[in-house]
Amino acid sequence: MTETQIATVEVPFEALVKELGAKRAIKFLSEIRRKYGDSVVELRRATENLTIEQIEKEIRLLKKEEKV
């Protein structure tokens, strides 16, 4: 059985840039802020139960829709 990892908001910006590129990382963060607000507390609450798999799925969807 695979252990599910819970996502946190402490992902360094550099990691996003490495995976998405600078332009897409900025668009991704903008989308998160627009969707969940600019508050770290609000973002933590909104994402505290998301798994890495769910975040990856959302990123793939946004890429497919060319939103990031």
PDB file of N, CA and C in Angstrom:
ATOM      1  N   MET A   1       0.842  -1.173   0.000  1.00  0.00           N
ATOM      2  CA  MET A   1       0.000   0.000   0.000  1.00  0.00           C
ATOM      3  C   MET A   1       0.895   1.247   0.000  1.00  0.00           C
ATOM      4  N   THR A   2       0.560   2.216  -0.827  1.00  0.00           N
ATOM      5  CA  THR A   2       1.322   3.456  -0.916  1.00  0.00           C
ATOM      6  C   THR A   2       0.827   4.450   0.119  1.00  0.00           C
ATOM      7  N   GLU A   3       1.761   5.081   0.803  1.00  0.00           N
ATOM      8  CA  GLU A   3       1.405   6.084   1.785  1.00  0.00           C
ATOM      9  C   GLU A   3       1.048   7.377   1.068  1.00  0.00           C
ATOM     10  N   THR A   4      -0.087   7.978   1.395  1.00  0.00           N
ATOM     11  CA  THR A   4      -0.506   9.230   0.779  1.00  0.00           C
ATOM     12  C   THR A   4       0.164  10.384   1.498  1.00  0.00           C
ATOM     13  N   GLN A   5       0.741  11.280   0.724  1.00  0.00           N
ATOM     14  CA  GLN A   5       1.383  12.464   1.297  1.00  0.00           C
ATOM     15  C   GLN A   5       0.394  13.613   1.290  1.00  0.00           C
ATOM     16  N   ILE A   6       0.373  14.366   2.373  1.00  0.00           N
ATOM     17  CA  ILE A   6      -0.471  15.548   2.464  1.00  0.00           C
ATOM     18  C   ILE A   6       0.356  16.748   2.001  1.00  0.00           C
ATOM     19  N   ALA A   7      -0.225  17.567   1.153  1.00  0.00           N
ATOM     20  CA  ALA A   7       0.478  18.728   0.607  1.00  0.00           C
ATOM     21  C   ALA A   7       0.544  19.847   1.627  1.00  0.00           C
ATOM     22  N   THR A   8       1.606  20.626   1.545  1.00  0.00           N
ATOM     23  CA  THR A   8       1.722  21.822   2.366  1.00  0.00           C
ATOM     24  C   THR A   8       2.045  23.001   1.458  1.00  0.00           C
ATOM     25  N   VAL A   9       1.882  24.209   1.979  1.00  0.00           N
ATOM     26  CA  VAL A   9       2.152  25.402   1.177  1.00  0.00           C
ATOM     27  C   VAL A   9       3.608  25.820   1.252  1.00  0.00           C
ATOM     28  N   GLU A  10       4.452  25.036   1.908  1.00  0.00           N
ATOM     29  CA  GLU A  10       5.851  25.396   2.062  1.00  0.00           C
ATOM     30  C   GLU A  10       6.717  24.987   0.867  1.00  0.00           C
ATOM     31  N   VAL A  11       6.105  24.714  -0.269  1.00  0.00           N
ATOM     32  CA  VAL A  11       6.866  24.366  -1.470  1.00  0.00           C
ATOM     33  C   VAL A  11       7.619  25.602  -1.930  1.00  0.00           C
ATOM     34  N   PRO A  12       8.944  25.498  -2.047  1.00  0.00           N
ATOM     35  CA  PRO A  12       9.717  26.662  -2.476  1.00  0.00           C
ATOM     36  C   PRO A  12       9.341  27.075  -3.896  1.00  0.00           C
ATOM     37  N   PHE A  13       9.357  28.370  -4.130  1.00  0.00           N
ATOM     38  CA  PHE A  13       9.058  28.894  -5.457  1.00  0.00           C
ATOM     39  C   PHE A  13      10.006  28.289  -6.495  1.00  0.00           C
ATOM     40  N   GLU A  14      11.256  28.065  -6.089  1.00  0.00           N
ATOM     41  CA  GLU A  14      12.245  27.491  -7.008  1.00  0.00           C
ATOM     42  C   GLU A  14      11.801  26.117  -7.515  1.00  0.00           C
ATOM     43  N   ALA A  15      11.134  25.348  -6.661  1.00  0.00           N
ATOM     44  CA  ALA A  15      10.652  24.030  -7.076  1.00  0.00           C
ATOM     45  C   ALA A  15       9.563  24.162  -8.134  1.00  0.00           C
ATOM     46  N   LEU A  16       8.683  25.145  -7.956  1.00  0.00           N
ATOM     47  CA  LEU A  16       7.654  25.383  -8.962  1.00  0.00           C
ATOM     48  C   LEU A  16       8.276  25.810 -10.286  1.00  0.00           C
ATOM     49  N   VAL A  17       9.271  26.691 -10.211  1.00  0.00           N
ATOM     50  CA  VAL A  17       9.947  27.161 -11.418  1.00  0.00           C
ATOM     51  C   VAL A  17      10.621  25.993 -12.133  1.00  0.00           C
ATOM     52  N   LYS A  18      11.243  25.121 -11.372  1.00  0.00           N
ATOM     53  CA  LYS A  18      11.924  23.962 -11.961  1.00  0.00           C
ATOM     54  C   LYS A  18      10.934  23.066 -12.703  1.00  0.00           C
ATOM     55  N   GLU A  19       9.774  22.856 -12.110  1.00  0.00           N
ATOM     56  CA  GLU A  19       8.785  21.962 -12.712  1.00  0.00           C
ATOM     57  C   GLU A  19       7.957  22.617 -13.810  1.00  0.00           C
ATOM     58  N   LEU A  20       7.620  23.888 -13.628  1.00  0.00           N
ATOM     59  CA  LEU A  20       6.694  24.542 -14.547  1.00  0.00           C
ATOM     60  C   LEU A  20       7.336  25.587 -15.450  1.00  0.00           C
ATOM     61  N   GLY A  21       8.516  26.053 -15.076  1.00  0.00           N
ATOM     62  CA  GLY A  21       9.101  27.205 -15.750  1.00  0.00           C
ATOM     63  C   GLY A  21       8.623  28.461 -15.049  1.00  0.00           C
ATOM     64  N   ALA A  22       9.370  29.548 -15.164  1.00  0.00           N
ATOM     65  CA  ALA A  22       9.067  30.775 -14.417  1.00  0.00           C
ATOM     66  C   ALA A  22       7.693  31.343 -14.749  1.00  0.00           C
ATOM     67  N   LYS A  23       7.398  31.456 -16.029  1.00  0.00           N
ATOM     68  CA  LYS A  23       6.122  32.054 -16.446  1.00  0.00           C
ATOM     69  C   LYS A  23       4.932  31.240 -15.946  1.00  0.00           C
ATOM     70  N   ARG A  24       4.999  29.915 -16.104  1.00  0.00           N
ATOM     71  CA  ARG A  24       3.896  29.067 -15.663  1.00  0.00           C
ATOM     72  C   ARG A  24       3.783  29.024 -14.145  1.00  0.00           C
ATOM     73  N   ALA A  25       4.918  29.090 -13.429  1.00  0.00           N
ATOM     74  CA  ALA A  25       4.884  29.099 -11.967  1.00  0.00           C
ATOM     75  C   ALA A  25       4.162  30.347 -11.469  1.00  0.00           C
ATOM     76  N   ILE A  26       4.451  31.478 -12.086  1.00  0.00           N
ATOM     77  CA  ILE A  26       3.784  32.727 -11.704  1.00  0.00           C
ATOM     78  C   ILE A  26       2.293  32.645 -12.001  1.00  0.00           C
ATOM     79  N   LYS A  27       1.942  32.099 -13.157  1.00  0.00           N
ATOM     80  CA  LYS A  27       0.525  31.935 -13.491  1.00  0.00           C
ATOM     81  C   LYS A  27      -0.163  30.997 -12.503  1.00  0.00           C
ATOM     82  N   PHE A  28       0.534  29.917 -12.128  1.00  0.00           N
ATOM     83  CA  PHE A  28      -0.021  28.962 -11.167  1.00  0.00           C
ATOM     84  C   PHE A  28      -0.308  29.649  -9.830  1.00  0.00           C
ATOM     85  N   LEU A  29       0.673  30.401  -9.322  1.00  0.00           N
ATOM     86  CA  LEU A  29       0.475  31.100  -8.052  1.00  0.00           C
ATOM     87  C   LEU A  29      -0.630  32.140  -8.152  1.00  0.00           C
ATOM     88  N   SER A  30      -0.710  32.821  -9.285  1.00  0.00           N
ATOM     89  CA  SER A  30      -1.781  33.800  -9.487  1.00  0.00           C
ATOM     90  C   SER A  30      -3.142  33.127  -9.440  1.00  0.00           C
ATOM     91  N   GLU A  31      -3.237  31.958 -10.072  1.00  0.00           N
ATOM     92  CA  GLU A  31      -4.491  31.205 -10.068  1.00  0.00           C
ATOM     93  C   GLU A  31      -4.869  30.771  -8.649  1.00  0.00           C
ATOM     94  N   ILE A  32      -3.899  30.294  -7.894  1.00  0.00           N
ATOM     95  CA  ILE A  32      -4.148  29.896  -6.506  1.00  0.00           C
ATOM     96  C   ILE A  32      -4.632  31.086  -5.691  1.00  0.00           C
ATOM     97  N   ARG A  33      -3.960  32.215  -5.851  1.00  0.00           N
ATOM     98  CA  ARG A  33      -4.359  33.414  -5.090  1.00  0.00           C
ATOM     99  C   ARG A  33      -5.754  33.875  -5.480  1.00  0.00           C
ATOM    100  N   ARG A  34      -6.052  33.823  -6.768  1.00  0.00           N
ATOM    101  CA  ARG A  34      -7.378  34.246  -7.221  1.00  0.00           C
ATOM    102  C   ARG A  34      -8.447  33.300  -6.681  1.00  0.00           C
ATOM    103  N   LYS A  35      -8.127  32.011  -6.666  1.00  0.00           N
ATOM    104  CA  LYS A  35      -9.091  31.002  -6.244  1.00  0.00           C
ATOM    105  C   LYS A  35      -9.272  30.965  -4.730  1.00  0.00           C
ATOM    106  N   TYR A  36      -8.170  31.115  -3.985  1.00  0.00           N
ATOM    107  CA  TYR A  36      -8.224  30.946  -2.534  1.00  0.00           C
ATOM    108  C   TYR A  36      -7.948  32.209  -1.735  1.00  0.00           C
ATOM    109  N   GLY A  37      -7.610  33.303  -2.374  1.00  0.00           N
ATOM    110  CA  GLY A  37      -7.269  34.524  -1.652  1.00  0.00           C
ATOM    111  C   GLY A  37      -5.769  34.623  -1.435  1.00  0.00           C
ATOM    112  N   ASP A  38      -5.327  35.745  -0.909  1.00  0.00           N
ATOM    113  CA  ASP A  38      -3.904  36.002  -0.767  1.00  0.00           C
ATOM    114  C   ASP A  38      -3.369  35.636   0.614  1.00  0.00           C
ATOM    115  N   SER A  39      -4.228  35.268   1.522  1.00  0.00           N
ATOM    116  CA  SER A  39      -3.812  34.985   2.885  1.00  0.00           C
ATOM    117  C   SER A  39      -3.212  33.583   3.011  1.00  0.00           C
ATOM    118  N   VAL A  40      -2.056  33.501   3.626  1.00  0.00           N
ATOM    119  CA  VAL A  40      -1.414  32.199   3.855  1.00  0.00           C
ATOM    120  C   VAL A  40      -2.309  31.319   4.707  1.00  0.00           C
ATOM    121  N   VAL A  41      -2.952  31.904   5.684  1.00  0.00           N
ATOM    122  CA  VAL A  41      -3.834  31.127   6.561  1.00  0.00           C
ATOM    123  C   VAL A  41      -4.995  30.550   5.757  1.00  0.00           C
ATOM    124  N   GLU A  42      -5.602  31.366   4.909  1.00  0.00           N
ATOM    125  CA  GLU A  42      -6.703  30.879   4.078  1.00  0.00           C
ATOM    126  C   GLU A  42      -6.233  29.785   3.132  1.00  0.00           C
ATOM    127  N   LEU A  43      -5.060  29.975   2.542  1.00  0.00           N
ATOM    128  CA  LEU A  43      -4.519  28.982   1.619  1.00  0.00           C
ATOM    129  C   LEU A  43      -4.223  27.669   2.341  1.00  0.00           C
ATOM    130  N   ARG A  44      -3.657  27.768   3.521  1.00  0.00           N
ATOM    131  CA  ARG A  44      -3.383  26.558   4.300  1.00  0.00           C
ATOM    132  C   ARG A  44      -4.665  25.799   4.607  1.00  0.00           C
ATOM    133  N   ARG A  45      -5.682  26.540   5.019  1.00  0.00           N
ATOM    134  CA  ARG A  45      -6.968  25.898   5.314  1.00  0.00           C
ATOM    135  C   ARG A  45      -7.554  25.246   4.057  1.00  0.00           C
ATOM    136  N   ALA A  46      -7.449  25.948   2.940  1.00  0.00           N
ATOM    137  CA  ALA A  46      -8.031  25.457   1.688  1.00  0.00           C
ATOM    138  C   ALA A  46      -7.283  24.250   1.139  1.00  0.00           C
ATOM    139  N   THR A  47      -5.998  24.124   1.465  1.00  0.00           N
ATOM    140  CA  THR A  47      -5.190  23.053   0.873  1.00  0.00           C
ATOM    141  C   THR A  47      -4.719  22.009   1.874  1.00  0.00           C
ATOM    142  N   GLU A  48      -5.071  22.146   3.143  1.00  0.00           N
ATOM    143  CA  GLU A  48      -4.518  21.258   4.157  1.00  0.00           C
ATOM    144  C   GLU A  48      -4.849  19.790   3.953  1.00  0.00           C
ATOM    145  N   ASN A  49      -5.927  19.482   3.279  1.00  0.00           N
ATOM    146  CA  ASN A  49      -6.299  18.086   3.071  1.00  0.00           C
ATOM    147  C   ASN A  49      -6.014  17.584   1.662  1.00  0.00           C
ATOM    148  N   LEU A  50      -5.404  18.425   0.830  1.00  0.00           N
ATOM    149  CA  LEU A  50      -5.064  17.994  -0.520  1.00  0.00           C
ATOM    150  C   LEU A  50      -3.851  17.075  -0.485  1.00  0.00           C
ATOM    151  N   THR A  51      -3.886  16.065  -1.313  1.00  0.00           N
ATOM    152  CA  THR A  51      -2.734  15.191  -1.445  1.00  0.00           C
ATOM    153  C   THR A  51      -1.869  15.682  -2.602  1.00  0.00           C
ATOM    154  N   ILE A  52      -0.641  15.209  -2.638  1.00  0.00           N
ATOM    155  CA  ILE A  52       0.259  15.522  -3.748  1.00  0.00           C
ATOM    156  C   ILE A  52      -0.391  15.079  -5.061  1.00  0.00           C
ATOM    157  N   GLU A  53      -1.022  13.928  -5.044  1.00  0.00           N
ATOM    158  CA  GLU A  53      -1.674  13.404  -6.243  1.00  0.00           C
ATOM    159  C   GLU A  53      -2.766  14.345  -6.738  1.00  0.00           C
ATOM    160  N   GLN A  54      -3.550  14.916  -5.821  1.00  0.00           N
ATOM    161  CA  GLN A  54      -4.614  15.844  -6.211  1.00  0.00           C
ATOM    162  C   GLN A  54      -4.029  17.121  -6.823  1.00  0.00           C
ATOM    163  N   ILE A  55      -2.958  17.608  -6.241  1.00  0.00           N
ATOM    164  CA  ILE A  55      -2.311  18.811  -6.771  1.00  0.00           C
ATOM    165  C   ILE A  55      -1.745  18.529  -8.160  1.00  0.00           C
ATOM    166  N   GLU A  56      -1.088  17.383  -8.318  1.00  0.00           N
ATOM    167  CA  GLU A  56      -0.545  17.017  -9.625  1.00  0.00           C
ATOM    168  C   GLU A  56      -1.658  16.905 -10.666  1.00  0.00           C
ATOM    169  N   LYS A  57      -2.784  16.332 -10.281  1.00  0.00           N
ATOM    170  CA  LYS A  57      -3.925  16.203 -11.195  1.00  0.00           C
ATOM    171  C   LYS A  57      -4.419  17.586 -11.621  1.00  0.00           C
ATOM    172  N   GLU A  58      -4.523  18.508 -10.669  1.00  0.00           N
ATOM    173  CA  GLU A  58      -4.968  19.872 -10.968  1.00  0.00           C
ATOM    174  C   GLU A  58      -3.988  20.580 -11.901  1.00  0.00           C
ATOM    175  N   ILE A  59      -2.689  20.400 -11.670  1.00  0.00           N
ATOM    176  CA  ILE A  59      -1.676  21.012 -12.528  1.00  0.00           C
ATOM    177  C   ILE A  59      -1.783  20.449 -13.945  1.00  0.00           C
ATOM    178  N   ARG A  60      -1.936  19.120 -14.056  1.00  0.00           N
ATOM    179  CA  ARG A  60      -2.078  18.515 -15.392  1.00  0.00           C
ATOM    180  C   ARG A  60      -3.303  19.052 -16.116  1.00  0.00           C
ATOM    181  N   LEU A  61      -4.412  19.219 -15.390  1.00  0.00           N
ATOM    182  CA  LEU A  61      -5.636  19.767 -15.984  1.00  0.00           C
ATOM    183  C   LEU A  61      -5.407  21.193 -16.463  1.00  0.00           C
ATOM    184  N   LEU A  62      -4.763  22.010 -15.624  1.00  0.00           N
ATOM    185  CA  LEU A  62      -4.506  23.396 -16.004  1.00  0.00           C
ATOM    186  C   LEU A  62      -3.570  23.471 -17.214  1.00  0.00           C
ATOM    187  N   LYS A  63      -2.591  22.578 -17.270  1.00  0.00           N
ATOM    188  CA  LYS A  63      -1.685  22.525 -18.432  1.00  0.00           C
ATOM    189  C   LYS A  63      -2.479  22.153 -19.686  1.00  0.00           C
ATOM    190  N   LYS A  64      -3.351  21.164 -19.560  1.00  0.00           N
ATOM    191  CA  LYS A  64      -4.144  20.714 -20.699  1.00  0.00           C
ATOM    192  C   LYS A  64      -5.034  21.849 -21.212  1.00  0.00           C
ATOM    193  N   GLU A  65      -5.567  22.631 -20.294  1.00  0.00           N
ATOM    194  CA  GLU A  65      -6.419  23.770 -20.663  1.00  0.00           C
ATOM    195  C   GLU A  65      -5.596  25.016 -21.002  1.00  0.00           C
ATOM    196  N   GLU A  66      -4.262  24.850 -20.976  1.00  0.00           N
ATOM    197  CA  GLU A  66      -3.304  25.928 -21.263  1.00  0.00           C
ATOM    198  C   GLU A  66      -3.536  27.151 -20.383  1.00  0.00           C
ATOM    199  N   LYS A  67      -3.847  26.907 -19.118  1.00  0.00           N
ATOM    200  CA  LYS A  67      -3.999  27.991 -18.144  1.00  0.00           C
ATOM    201  C   LYS A  67      -2.718  28.226 -17.364  1.00  0.00           C
ATOM    202  N   VAL A  68      -1.790  27.295 -17.442  1.00  0.00           N
ATOM    203  CA  VAL A  68      -0.450  27.467 -16.857  1.00  0.00           C
ATOM    204  C   VAL A  68       0.582  26.981 -17.843  1.00  0.00           C
TER     205      VAL A  68
END
